[in-house]
Amino acid sequence: MEAVVAPSFPRLEEPAPAFKARTTHGERSLEGYREQESFS
């Protein structure tokens, strides 16, 4: 039997994991937000 590893949230001061998500405004990723100068 294999051990199941539950995902965890990043702790304070740790970088967030990379992700991609499909939204109503198209595909978004953390890297895409990092590339923007503002989050507007």
Protein backbone atom coordinates (compact mmCIF):
# COMPACT_ATOMS: atom_id res chain seq x y z
CA MET A 1 0.00 0.00 0.00
CA GLU A 2 1.37 3.41 -0.98
CA ALA A 3 1.43 6.32 1.43
CA VAL A 4 -0.88 9.18 0.50
CA VAL A 5 0.68 12.63 0.78
CA ALA A 6 -1.84 15.41 1.38
CA PRO A 7 -1.12 18.74 -0.34
CA SER A 8 -0.32 21.61 2.01
CA PHE A 9 -0.44 25.36 1.79
CA PRO A 10 2.83 27.27 1.63
CA ARG A 11 3.99 28.60 4.97
CA LEU A 12 4.66 32.26 5.61
CA GLU A 13 7.73 33.57 3.81
CA GLU A 14 7.81 30.55 1.46
CA PRO A 15 7.23 31.05 -2.26
CA ALA A 16 3.85 30.00 -3.62
CA PRO A 17 3.86 26.97 -5.92
CA ALA A 18 3.46 27.51 -9.65
CA PHE A 19 -0.06 26.94 -10.96
CA LYS A 20 -2.25 27.35 -14.02
CA ALA A 21 -6.02 27.75 -13.81
CA ARG A 22 -8.70 28.06 -16.46
CA THR A 23 -10.96 31.05 -15.74
CA THR A 24 -13.74 32.90 -17.53
CA HIS A 25 -11.02 35.32 -18.68
CA GLY A 26 -8.80 32.58 -20.12
CA GLU A 27 -5.93 30.64 -18.63
CA ARG A 28 -4.16 32.34 -15.73
CA SER A 29 -0.92 31.45 -14.00
CA LEU A 30 1.07 32.76 -11.07
CA GLU A 31 3.95 33.51 -13.41
CA GLY A 32 1.64 35.69 -15.53
CA TYR A 33 0.86 37.86 -12.50
CA ARG A 34 4.52 38.06 -11.53
CA GLU A 35 5.32 39.43 -15.00
CA GLN A 36 2.78 42.26 -14.66
CA GLU A 37 3.85 45.53 -13.08
CA SER A 38 0.49 46.03 -11.37
CA PHE A 39 -2.35 43.71 -10.45
CA SER A 40 -5.14 45.90 -11.86
